[in-house]
Amino acid sequence: MDKIDRLGWAAGITFVSYGLRIGIRVSSPEIMDRIKGLLPPKAKPARGPRVERLYSLIVSGTKAGSHVRRINVLYGDAVRLARSKDTEPVLEALERDLQLYVAEWARRRVFVHAGVVGWRGRAIVIPGRTMSGKTTLVKALVEAGATYYSDEYAVLDERGRVHPYPKPLSIRDNGGGRAKEILPEALGGTTGVKPLPVGLVVTTSYREAARWRPRQLLPGRAVMALLAHTVSVRRKPERALTVLREVVADALVLKGVRGEAAETAEKLLRRAEQAARGS
C-alpha cells in the first residue's frame, strides 16, 4: 500500500454509501466526472481522509517527452483489480467491485441480486444473476405500468421491506454486447421512492416459446431460492436468513420457466393483484 500511496494522486472523493465510508483517488482530475457517475445510488459526500475501502485509479496517458502510453490500472486497497490499455474496462471493473463491496458490507441492509418493481403498494422481486433475463422482465413490467425500483439489487431492511436502488436499467442487445443504461422514464415509467413490503417473488428463466406455468414454493424452499442470490450470505448467514424469512412470510413465491417478457409481465401483474386480495 505504501508504494501505491507514493504514485502521486491528482484528485479524489470520499463518500458514504449504506453506512460505509469509501474513497476513490485518481491520477488525472479529468476522469472525476466519469467516476462520480459510477457511484452507488444515494451516495453522499463525506469529509475527512478515513475510509474503509480505498480505490486507486491510474489513468493512461502519454508522459511529457515520451511516446510510451501508460496503462490504466485499478487498485482496491492494495489489490490490483483491473489493468487495460482502454479506460472503459477499468471503469466497468471499478463500478462492479464498488457495488459488490457495498452489497456485501452494508451496515443495516441485506442485498439480493434481483430486479424489483412496485405494483399496487407491494413489491415484485425477481432474483437472478447478471444475464439471467431479469432486466428484460423488469423492463417489460415497467412498460406495463409497474414502478421501477431496481434491476440490480433488492435492498432489504430488517422488516423484509424493499428499498429503491434507483440505478438506470442496464439493457444489453441480443448479441450480449456492452450494456446501455436507460432511465425508467424513457420507458414511460416512474421510479419508486418509498420502501414496500414484498408481495410476489418470481424465480424464473427464459426459454423460447415456453408457457408460464409456475409452481408455488413453500416458505423453506422460498428462503433458499433467495439465499442463493444474497450477497452477504457467507459473511452474515444468520442475519440474511432472518431478513429473508420476513420477506417470504406474507409473499407469494413462484418458480417456473417463462417465454416472452411482455406476456409474462402481464400475467405477473394479474397474479400479484390476486395475491394482494388473498386469492
C-alpha atoms as a PDB file:
ATOM      1  CA  MET A   1       0.000   0.000   0.000  1.00  0.00           C
ATOM      2  CA  ASP A   2       2.895   2.383   0.697  1.00  0.00           C
ATOM      3  CA  LYS A   3       4.079   2.010  -2.901  1.00  0.00           C
ATOM      4  CA  ILE A   4       0.608   2.856  -4.223  1.00  0.00           C
ATOM      5  CA  ASP A   5       0.400   5.876  -1.904  1.00  0.00           C
ATOM      6  CA  ARG A   6       3.600   7.275  -3.398  1.00  0.00           C
ATOM      7  CA  LEU A   7       2.418   7.109  -7.006  1.00  0.00           C
ATOM      8  CA  GLY A   8       1.062  10.658  -6.907  1.00  0.00           C
ATOM      9  CA  TRP A   9      -2.654  11.435  -6.934  1.00  0.00           C
ATOM     10  CA  ALA A  10      -4.253  14.473  -8.540  1.00  0.00           C
ATOM     11  CA  ALA A  11      -7.849  14.273  -7.268  1.00  0.00           C
ATOM     12  CA  GLY A  12     -10.186  12.181  -5.178  1.00  0.00           C
ATOM     13  CA  ILE A  13     -13.536  11.896  -3.424  1.00  0.00           C
ATOM     14  CA  THR A  14     -14.824  10.398  -0.192  1.00  0.00           C
ATOM     15  CA  PHE A  15     -18.447   9.347   0.184  1.00  0.00           C
ATOM     16  CA  VAL A  16     -20.783   7.316   2.367  1.00  0.00           C
ATOM     17  CA  SER A  17     -22.959   4.543   0.953  1.00  0.00           C
ATOM     18  CA  TYR A  18     -25.217   2.411   3.181  1.00  0.00           C
ATOM     19  CA  GLY A  19     -23.105   3.297   6.220  1.00  0.00           C
ATOM     20  CA  LEU A  20     -19.745   2.606   4.535  1.00  0.00           C
ATOM     21  CA  ARG A  21     -17.043   5.261   4.056  1.00  0.00           C
ATOM     22  CA  ILE A  22     -15.342   4.794   0.685  1.00  0.00           C
ATOM     23  CA  GLY A  23     -12.645   6.770  -1.107  1.00  0.00           C
ATOM     24  CA  ILE A  24     -11.607   6.950  -4.766  1.00  0.00           C
ATOM     25  CA  ARG A  25      -8.421   8.698  -5.899  1.00  0.00           C
ATOM     26  CA  VAL A  26      -7.220   9.215  -9.455  1.00  0.00           C
ATOM     27  CA  SER A  27      -4.017  10.238 -11.215  1.00  0.00           C
ATOM     28  CA  SER A  28      -5.863  12.640 -13.540  1.00  0.00           C
ATOM     29  CA  PRO A  29      -8.646  15.053 -12.455  1.00  0.00           C
ATOM     30  CA  GLU A  30     -10.254  14.902 -15.928  1.00  0.00           C
ATOM     31  CA  ILE A  31     -11.720  11.471 -15.106  1.00  0.00           C
ATOM     32  CA  MET A  32     -13.564  12.602 -11.964  1.00  0.00           C
ATOM     33  CA  ASP A  33     -16.878  13.386 -13.690  1.00  0.00           C
ATOM     34  CA  ARG A  34     -16.978   9.814 -15.017  1.00  0.00           C
ATOM     35  CA  ILE A  35     -16.102   8.458 -11.577  1.00  0.00           C
ATOM     36  CA  LYS A  36     -18.968  10.330  -9.918  1.00  0.00           C
ATOM     37  CA  GLY A  37     -21.394   8.766 -12.387  1.00  0.00           C
ATOM     38  CA  LEU A  38     -20.384   5.276 -11.199  1.00  0.00           C
ATOM     39  CA  LEU A  39     -21.214   5.780  -7.525  1.00  0.00           C
ATOM     40  CA  PRO A  40     -24.000   3.719  -5.928  1.00  0.00           C
ATOM     41  CA  PRO A  41     -27.429   5.371  -5.778  1.00  0.00           C
ATOM     42  CA  LYS A  42     -27.881   7.825  -2.898  1.00  0.00           C
ATOM     43  CA  ALA A  43     -24.146   8.015  -2.140  1.00  0.00           C
ATOM     44  CA  LYS A  44     -23.436  11.115  -0.045  1.00  0.00           C
ATOM     45  CA  PRO A  45     -20.213  13.179   0.074  1.00  0.00           C
ATOM     46  CA  ALA A  46     -18.142  12.774   3.227  1.00  0.00           C
ATOM     47  CA  ARG A  47     -15.322  14.746   4.819  1.00  0.00           C
ATOM     48  CA  GLY A  48     -12.026  13.538   6.179  1.00  0.00           C
ATOM     49  CA  PRO A  49      -9.428  11.016   4.988  1.00  0.00           C
ATOM     50  CA  ARG A  50     -10.659   7.994   6.959  1.00  0.00           C
ATOM     51  CA  VAL A  51     -12.195   5.314   4.730  1.00  0.00           C
ATOM     52  CA  GLU A  52     -12.966   1.607   4.973  1.00  0.00           C
ATOM     53  CA  ARG A  53     -12.281   0.938   1.297  1.00  0.00           C
ATOM     54  CA  LEU A  54      -9.939   2.891  -0.983  1.00  0.00           C
ATOM     55  CA  TYR A  55      -9.872   2.643  -4.769  1.00  0.00           C
ATOM     56  CA  SER A  56      -6.854   3.992  -6.669  1.00  0.00           C
ATOM     57  CA  LEU A  57      -7.092   4.554 -10.424  1.00  0.00           C
ATOM     58  CA  ILE A  58      -4.071   5.279 -12.609  1.00  0.00           C
ATOM     59  CA  VAL A  59      -5.336   6.791 -15.850  1.00  0.00           C
ATOM     60  CA  SER A  60      -3.429   6.174 -19.079  1.00  0.00           C
ATOM     61  CA  GLY A  61      -1.760   8.987 -20.978  1.00  0.00           C
ATOM     62  CA  THR A  62       1.487   9.878 -22.668  1.00  0.00           C
ATOM     63  CA  LYS A  63       4.115  11.262 -20.315  1.00  0.00           C
ATOM     64  CA  ALA A  64       5.751  14.542 -21.395  1.00  0.00           C
ATOM     65  CA  GLY A  65       8.843  13.879 -23.536  1.00  0.00           C
ATOM     66  CA  SER A  66       7.850  10.257 -24.104  1.00  0.00           C
ATOM     67  CA  HIS A  67       5.955   8.359 -26.795  1.00  0.00           C
ATOM     68  CA  VAL A  68       5.143   5.459 -24.470  1.00  0.00           C
ATOM     69  CA  ARG A  69       1.478   5.286 -23.481  1.00  0.00           C
ATOM     70  CA  ARG A  70       0.751   4.303 -19.903  1.00  0.00           C
ATOM     71  CA  ILE A  71      -1.701   1.571 -18.877  1.00  0.00           C
ATOM     72  CA  ASN A  72      -4.917   2.122 -16.913  1.00  0.00           C
ATOM     73  CA  VAL A  73      -4.637   0.316 -13.581  1.00  0.00           C
ATOM     74  CA  LEU A  74      -7.215  -0.005 -10.798  1.00  0.00           C
ATOM     75  CA  TYR A  75      -6.463  -0.993  -7.205  1.00  0.00           C
ATOM     76  CA  GLY A  76      -8.899  -1.855  -4.423  1.00  0.00           C
ATOM     77  CA  ASP A  77      -6.883  -1.105  -1.299  1.00  0.00           C
ATOM     78  CA  ALA A  78      -3.571  -2.880  -2.114  1.00  0.00           C
ATOM     79  CA  VAL A  79      -5.024  -5.436  -4.566  1.00  0.00           C
ATOM     80  CA  ARG A  80      -4.897  -4.858  -8.313  1.00  0.00           C
ATOM     81  CA  LEU A  81      -8.408  -5.278  -9.687  1.00  0.00           C
ATOM     82  CA  ALA A  82      -8.005  -4.389 -13.363  1.00  0.00           C
ATOM     83  CA  ARG A  83      -5.406  -3.437 -15.959  1.00  0.00           C
ATOM     84  CA  SER A  84      -6.083  -2.375 -19.542  1.00  0.00           C
ATOM     85  CA  LYS A  85      -4.930  -0.077 -22.325  1.00  0.00           C
ATOM     86  CA  ASP A  86      -8.540   1.081 -22.633  1.00  0.00           C
ATOM     87  CA  THR A  87     -10.268   3.148 -19.974  1.00  0.00           C
ATOM     88  CA  GLU A  88     -13.755   1.639 -20.214  1.00  0.00           C
ATOM     89  CA  PRO A  89     -12.957  -1.894 -18.967  1.00  0.00           C
ATOM     90  CA  VAL A  90     -11.227  -0.434 -15.927  1.00  0.00           C
ATOM     91  CA  LEU A  91     -14.134   1.885 -15.142  1.00  0.00           C
ATOM     92  CA  GLU A  92     -16.518  -1.053 -15.511  1.00  0.00           C
ATOM     93  CA  ALA A  93     -14.370  -3.037 -13.065  1.00  0.00           C
ATOM     94  CA  LEU A  94     -14.486  -0.116 -10.617  1.00  0.00           C
ATOM     95  CA  GLU A  95     -18.268   0.133 -10.784  1.00  0.00           C
ATOM     96  CA  ARG A  96     -18.709  -3.637 -10.469  1.00  0.00           C
ATOM     97  CA  ASP A  97     -16.383  -4.035  -7.476  1.00  0.00           C
ATOM     98  CA  LEU A  98     -17.751  -0.923  -5.770  1.00  0.00           C
ATOM     99  CA  GLN A  99     -21.333  -2.189  -5.975  1.00  0.00           C
ATOM    100  CA  LEU A 100     -20.364  -5.645  -4.734  1.00  0.00           C
ATOM    101  CA  TYR A 101     -18.410  -4.194  -1.821  1.00  0.00           C
ATOM    102  CA  VAL A 102     -21.372  -2.092  -0.736  1.00  0.00           C
ATOM    103  CA  ALA A 103     -23.776  -5.009  -1.201  1.00  0.00           C
ATOM    104  CA  GLU A 104     -21.671  -7.330   0.951  1.00  0.00           C
ATOM    105  CA  TRP A 105     -20.707  -4.931   3.751  1.00  0.00           C
ATOM    106  CA  ALA A 106     -23.774  -2.643   4.021  1.00  0.00           C
ATOM    107  CA  ARG A 107     -24.474  -1.847   7.659  1.00  0.00           C
ATOM    108  CA  ARG A 108     -28.240  -2.250   8.009  1.00  0.00           C
ATOM    109  CA  ARG A 109     -29.391  -3.739   4.716  1.00  0.00           C
ATOM    110  CA  VAL A 110     -29.347  -7.152   3.038  1.00  0.00           C
ATOM    111  CA  PHE A 111     -28.696  -7.090  -0.713  1.00  0.00           C
ATOM    112  CA  VAL A 112     -30.134  -9.760  -3.015  1.00  0.00           C
ATOM    113  CA  HIS A 113     -29.240  -9.898  -6.719  1.00  0.00           C
ATOM    114  CA  ALA A 114     -32.685  -9.187  -8.135  1.00  0.00           C
ATOM    115  CA  GLY A 115     -34.857  -6.970 -10.235  1.00  0.00           C
ATOM    116  CA  VAL A 116     -37.609  -5.151  -8.360  1.00  0.00           C
ATOM    117  CA  VAL A 117     -40.766  -3.259  -9.324  1.00  0.00           C
ATOM    118  CA  GLY A 118     -43.657  -1.918  -7.304  1.00  0.00           C
ATOM    119  CA  TRP A 119     -47.296  -2.713  -8.039  1.00  0.00           C
ATOM    120  CA  ARG A 120     -50.358  -1.620  -6.060  1.00  0.00           C
ATOM    121  CA  GLY A 121     -48.310  -0.845  -2.951  1.00  0.00           C
ATOM    122  CA  ARG A 122     -46.278  -4.073  -2.874  1.00  0.00           C
ATOM    123  CA  ALA A 123     -43.034  -5.205  -4.469  1.00  0.00           C
ATOM    124  CA  ILE A 124     -42.420  -7.870  -7.082  1.00  0.00           C
ATOM    125  CA  VAL A 125     -38.906  -9.304  -6.626  1.00  0.00           C
ATOM    126  CA  ILE A 126     -37.175 -11.269  -9.407  1.00  0.00           C
ATOM    127  CA  PRO A 127     -33.935 -12.840  -8.113  1.00  0.00           C
ATOM    128  CA  GLY A 128     -31.272 -13.697 -10.682  1.00  0.00           C
ATOM    129  CA  ARG A 129     -27.671 -13.166 -11.709  1.00  0.00           C
ATOM    130  CA  THR A 130     -26.401 -10.924 -14.482  1.00  0.00           C
ATOM    131  CA  MET A 131     -27.505 -12.147 -17.944  1.00  0.00           C
ATOM    132  CA  SER A 132     -30.299 -14.230 -16.396  1.00  0.00           C
ATOM    133  CA  GLY A 133     -33.008 -12.197 -18.117  1.00  0.00           C
ATOM    134  CA  LYS A 134     -34.254 -10.359 -15.021  1.00  0.00           C
ATOM    135  CA  THR A 135     -33.615  -6.918 -16.537  1.00  0.00           C
ATOM    136  CA  THR A 136     -35.651  -7.810 -19.634  1.00  0.00           C
ATOM    137  CA  LEU A 137     -38.550  -8.810 -17.404  1.00  0.00           C
ATOM    138  CA  VAL A 138     -38.198  -5.684 -15.245  1.00  0.00           C
ATOM    139  CA  LYS A 139     -38.264  -3.563 -18.402  1.00  0.00           C
ATOM    140  CA  ALA A 140     -41.455  -5.275 -19.570  1.00  0.00           C
ATOM    141  CA  LEU A 141     -43.064  -4.770 -16.159  1.00  0.00           C
ATOM    142  CA  VAL A 142     -42.222  -1.061 -16.171  1.00  0.00           C
ATOM    143  CA  GLU A 143     -43.623  -0.734 -19.694  1.00  0.00           C
ATOM    144  CA  ALA A 144     -46.798  -2.435 -18.425  1.00  0.00           C
ATOM    145  CA  GLY A 145     -47.214   0.195 -15.703  1.00  0.00           C
ATOM    146  CA  ALA A 146     -45.196  -1.060 -12.719  1.00  0.00           C
ATOM    147  CA  THR A 147     -42.993   1.334 -10.712  1.00  0.00           C
ATOM    148  CA  TYR A 148     -39.264   0.841 -11.130  1.00  0.00           C
ATOM    149  CA  TYR A 149     -37.152   0.020  -8.068  1.00  0.00           C
ATOM    150  CA  SER A 150     -34.046  -1.788  -9.338  1.00  0.00           C
ATOM    151  CA  ASP A 151     -32.669  -4.140 -11.959  1.00  0.00           C
ATOM    152  CA  GLU A 152     -29.577  -4.992  -9.898  1.00  0.00           C
ATOM    153  CA  TYR A 153     -30.357  -5.463  -6.194  1.00  0.00           C
ATOM    154  CA  ALA A 154     -33.316  -5.907  -3.893  1.00  0.00           C
ATOM    155  CA  VAL A 155     -32.215  -3.851  -0.879  1.00  0.00           C
ATOM    156  CA  LEU A 156     -33.981  -5.267   2.191  1.00  0.00           C
ATOM    157  CA  ASP A 157     -34.369  -3.875   5.696  1.00  0.00           C
ATOM    158  CA  GLU A 158     -34.867  -5.866   8.912  1.00  0.00           C
ATOM    159  CA  ARG A 159     -38.642  -5.925   8.357  1.00  0.00           C
ATOM    160  CA  GLY A 160     -38.239  -7.516   4.915  1.00  0.00           C
ATOM    161  CA  ARG A 161     -39.272  -4.378   3.021  1.00  0.00           C
ATOM    162  CA  VAL A 162     -37.603  -3.454  -0.287  1.00  0.00           C
ATOM    163  CA  HIS A 163     -35.958  -0.042  -0.660  1.00  0.00           C
ATOM    164  CA  PRO A 164     -35.296   1.682  -4.005  1.00  0.00           C
ATOM    165  CA  TYR A 165     -31.902   1.149  -5.626  1.00  0.00           C
ATOM    166  CA  PRO A 166     -32.557   3.626  -8.456  1.00  0.00           C
ATOM    167  CA  LYS A 167     -29.703   2.874 -10.806  1.00  0.00           C
ATOM    168  CA  PRO A 168     -30.722   3.110 -14.511  1.00  0.00           C
ATOM    169  CA  LEU A 169     -31.698  -0.152 -16.181  1.00  0.00           C
ATOM    170  CA  SER A 170     -28.733  -1.820 -17.849  1.00  0.00           C
ATOM    171  CA  ILE A 171     -30.051  -3.157 -21.156  1.00  0.00           C
ATOM    172  CA  ARG A 172     -27.956  -5.402 -23.411  1.00  0.00           C
ATOM    173  CA  ASP A 173     -28.678  -6.060 -27.070  1.00  0.00           C
ATOM    174  CA  ASN A 174     -29.417  -9.559 -28.312  1.00  0.00           C
ATOM    175  CA  GLY A 175     -25.738 -10.130 -29.019  1.00  0.00           C
ATOM    176  CA  GLY A 176     -24.873  -9.712 -25.347  1.00  0.00           C
ATOM    177  CA  GLY A 177     -22.603  -6.750 -26.024  1.00  0.00           C
ATOM    178  CA  ARG A 178     -21.945  -3.732 -23.875  1.00  0.00           C
ATOM    179  CA  ALA A 179     -24.935  -2.658 -21.795  1.00  0.00           C
ATOM    180  CA  LYS A 180     -26.794   0.591 -22.424  1.00  0.00           C
ATOM    181  CA  GLU A 181     -28.227   2.494 -19.473  1.00  0.00           C
ATOM    182  CA  ILE A 182     -31.877   3.524 -19.781  1.00  0.00           C
ATOM    183  CA  LEU A 183     -33.899   5.577 -17.315  1.00  0.00           C
ATOM    184  CA  PRO A 184     -37.351   4.175 -16.444  1.00  0.00           C
ATOM    185  CA  GLU A 185     -38.872   7.477 -17.588  1.00  0.00           C
ATOM    186  CA  ALA A 186     -37.710   6.653 -21.115  1.00  0.00           C
ATOM    187  CA  LEU A 187     -39.938   3.565 -20.913  1.00  0.00           C
ATOM    188  CA  GLY A 188     -42.918   5.577 -19.747  1.00  0.00           C
ATOM    189  CA  GLY A 189     -42.366   4.554 -16.127  1.00  0.00           C
ATOM    190  CA  THR A 190     -41.540   6.142 -12.778  1.00  0.00           C
ATOM    191  CA  THR A 191     -39.053   5.356 -10.006  1.00  0.00           C
ATOM    192  CA  GLY A 192     -40.212   4.337  -6.538  1.00  0.00           C
ATOM    193  CA  VAL A 193     -39.214   6.386  -3.505  1.00  0.00           C
ATOM    194  CA  LYS A 194     -40.699   4.516  -0.520  1.00  0.00           C
ATOM    195  CA  PRO A 195     -39.928   1.048   0.882  1.00  0.00           C
ATOM    196  CA  LEU A 196     -42.501  -1.621   0.039  1.00  0.00           C
ATOM    197  CA  PRO A 197     -43.465  -4.967   1.568  1.00  0.00           C
ATOM    198  CA  VAL A 198     -42.868  -7.872  -0.794  1.00  0.00           C
ATOM    199  CA  GLY A 199     -45.996  -9.306  -2.357  1.00  0.00           C
ATOM    200  CA  LEU A 200     -44.555 -11.587  -5.036  1.00  0.00           C
ATOM    201  CA  VAL A 201     -41.190 -13.308  -5.565  1.00  0.00           C
ATOM    202  CA  VAL A 202     -40.587 -14.790  -9.015  1.00  0.00           C
ATOM    203  CA  THR A 203     -37.771 -17.240  -9.727  1.00  0.00           C
ATOM    204  CA  THR A 204     -37.666 -17.754 -13.465  1.00  0.00           C
ATOM    205  CA  SER A 205     -35.549 -18.166 -16.571  1.00  0.00           C
ATOM    206  CA  TYR A 206     -36.293 -17.628 -20.247  1.00  0.00           C
ATOM    207  CA  ARG A 207     -36.968 -20.424 -22.718  1.00  0.00           C
ATOM    208  CA  GLU A 208     -38.188 -19.771 -26.231  1.00  0.00           C
ATOM    209  CA  ALA A 209     -41.903 -20.488 -26.699  1.00  0.00           C
ATOM    210  CA  ALA A 210     -42.283 -21.567 -23.064  1.00  0.00           C
ATOM    211  CA  ARG A 211     -45.645 -21.109 -21.333  1.00  0.00           C
ATOM    212  CA  TRP A 212     -45.769 -19.552 -17.886  1.00  0.00           C
ATOM    213  CA  ARG A 213     -46.994 -22.365 -15.641  1.00  0.00           C
ATOM    214  CA  PRO A 214     -45.245 -21.742 -12.320  1.00  0.00           C
ATOM    215  CA  ARG A 215     -45.430 -23.717  -9.121  1.00  0.00           C
ATOM    216  CA  GLN A 216     -45.652 -22.149  -5.699  1.00  0.00           C
ATOM    217  CA  LEU A 217     -42.725 -22.656  -3.326  1.00  0.00           C
ATOM    218  CA  LEU A 218     -43.218 -23.383   0.342  1.00  0.00           C
ATOM    219  CA  PRO A 219     -41.544 -20.923   2.752  1.00  0.00           C
ATOM    220  CA  GLY A 220     -38.451 -23.054   3.360  1.00  0.00           C
ATOM    221  CA  ARG A 221     -37.695 -23.510  -0.329  1.00  0.00           C
ATOM    222  CA  ALA A 222     -38.583 -19.873  -0.961  1.00  0.00           C
ATOM    223  CA  VAL A 223     -35.941 -18.720   1.524  1.00  0.00           C
ATOM    224  CA  MET A 224     -33.341 -20.987  -0.079  1.00  0.00           C
ATOM    225  CA  ALA A 225     -34.177 -19.621  -3.538  1.00  0.00           C
ATOM    226  CA  LEU A 226     -33.488 -16.073  -2.308  1.00  0.00           C
ATOM    227  CA  LEU A 227     -30.479 -17.109  -0.256  1.00  0.00           C
ATOM    228  CA  ALA A 228     -28.748 -18.359  -3.425  1.00  0.00           C
ATOM    229  CA  HIS A 229     -28.672 -14.740  -4.654  1.00  0.00           C
ATOM    230  CA  THR A 230     -27.894 -12.989  -1.353  1.00  0.00           C
ATOM    231  CA  VAL A 231     -24.541 -11.205  -1.446  1.00  0.00           C
ATOM    232  CA  SER A 232     -23.691 -11.282   2.276  1.00  0.00           C
ATOM    233  CA  VAL A 233     -24.764 -14.875   2.947  1.00  0.00           C
ATOM    234  CA  ARG A 234     -21.250 -16.191   3.634  1.00  0.00           C
ATOM    235  CA  ARG A 235     -20.300 -13.316   5.914  1.00  0.00           C
ATOM    236  CA  LYS A 236     -23.546 -12.966   7.894  1.00  0.00           C
ATOM    237  CA  PRO A 237     -25.750 -16.002   7.197  1.00  0.00           C
ATOM    238  CA  GLU A 238     -27.914 -15.661  10.316  1.00  0.00           C
ATOM    239  CA  ARG A 239     -28.790 -12.037   9.562  1.00  0.00           C
ATOM    240  CA  ALA A 240     -29.578 -12.885   5.947  1.00  0.00           C
ATOM    241  CA  LEU A 241     -31.826 -15.776   6.972  1.00  0.00           C
ATOM    242  CA  THR A 242     -33.712 -13.623   9.461  1.00  0.00           C
ATOM    243  CA  VAL A 243     -34.440 -10.943   6.862  1.00  0.00           C
ATOM    244  CA  LEU A 244     -35.396 -13.423   4.129  1.00  0.00           C
ATOM    245  CA  ARG A 245     -37.863 -15.165   6.439  1.00  0.00           C
ATOM    246  CA  GLU A 246     -39.543 -11.791   6.901  1.00  0.00           C
ATOM    247  CA  VAL A 247     -39.674 -11.389   3.118  1.00  0.00           C
ATOM    248  CA  VAL A 248     -41.462 -14.672   2.438  1.00  0.00           C
ATOM    249  CA  ALA A 249     -43.745 -14.527   5.490  1.00  0.00           C
ATOM    250  CA  ASP A 250     -46.521 -12.735   3.574  1.00  0.00           C
ATOM    251  CA  ALA A 251     -45.296 -13.113  -0.008  1.00  0.00           C
ATOM    252  CA  LEU A 252     -46.321 -15.490  -2.767  1.00  0.00           C
ATOM    253  CA  VAL A 253     -43.235 -17.202  -4.206  1.00  0.00           C
ATOM    254  CA  LEU A 254     -43.437 -18.698  -7.705  1.00  0.00           C
ATOM    255  CA  LYS A 255     -40.937 -20.668  -9.753  1.00  0.00           C
ATOM    256  CA  GLY A 256     -41.198 -21.540 -13.435  1.00  0.00           C
ATOM    257  CA  VAL A 257     -39.856 -21.125 -16.957  1.00  0.00           C
ATOM    258  CA  ARG A 258     -41.137 -18.126 -18.885  1.00  0.00           C
ATOM    259  CA  GLY A 259     -41.499 -17.218 -22.535  1.00  0.00           C
ATOM    260  CA  GLU A 260     -41.631 -13.670 -23.881  1.00  0.00           C
ATOM    261  CA  ALA A 261     -41.183 -10.976 -21.238  1.00  0.00           C
ATOM    262  CA  ALA A 262     -44.165  -8.796 -22.219  1.00  0.00           C
ATOM    263  CA  GLU A 263     -46.644 -11.668 -21.976  1.00  0.00           C
ATOM    264  CA  THR A 264     -45.157 -12.874 -18.687  1.00  0.00           C
ATOM    265  CA  ALA A 265     -45.230  -9.347 -17.241  1.00  0.00           C
ATOM    266  CA  GLU A 266     -48.988  -9.034 -17.765  1.00  0.00           C
ATOM    267  CA  LYS A 267     -49.571 -12.388 -16.064  1.00  0.00           C
ATOM    268  CA  LEU A 268     -47.342 -11.457 -13.132  1.00  0.00           C
ATOM    269  CA  LEU A 269     -49.180  -8.198 -12.522  1.00  0.00           C
ATOM    270  CA  ARG A 270     -52.523 -10.006 -12.513  1.00  0.00           C
ATOM    271  CA  ARG A 271     -51.137 -12.664 -10.156  1.00  0.00           C
ATOM    272  CA  ALA A 272     -49.731 -10.005  -7.844  1.00  0.00           C
ATOM    273  CA  GLU A 273     -53.167  -8.396  -7.610  1.00  0.00           C
ATOM    274  CA  GLN A 274     -54.773 -11.746  -6.820  1.00  0.00           C
ATOM    275  CA  ALA A 275     -52.170 -12.404  -4.112  1.00  0.00           C
ATOM    276  CA  ALA A 276     -52.829  -8.978  -2.573  1.00  0.00           C
ATOM    277  CA  ARG A 277     -56.546  -9.799  -2.379  1.00  0.00           C
ATOM    278  CA  GLY A 278     -55.761 -13.116  -0.702  1.00  0.00           C
ATOM    279  CA  SER A 279     -56.666 -15.331  -3.688  1.00  0.00           C
END
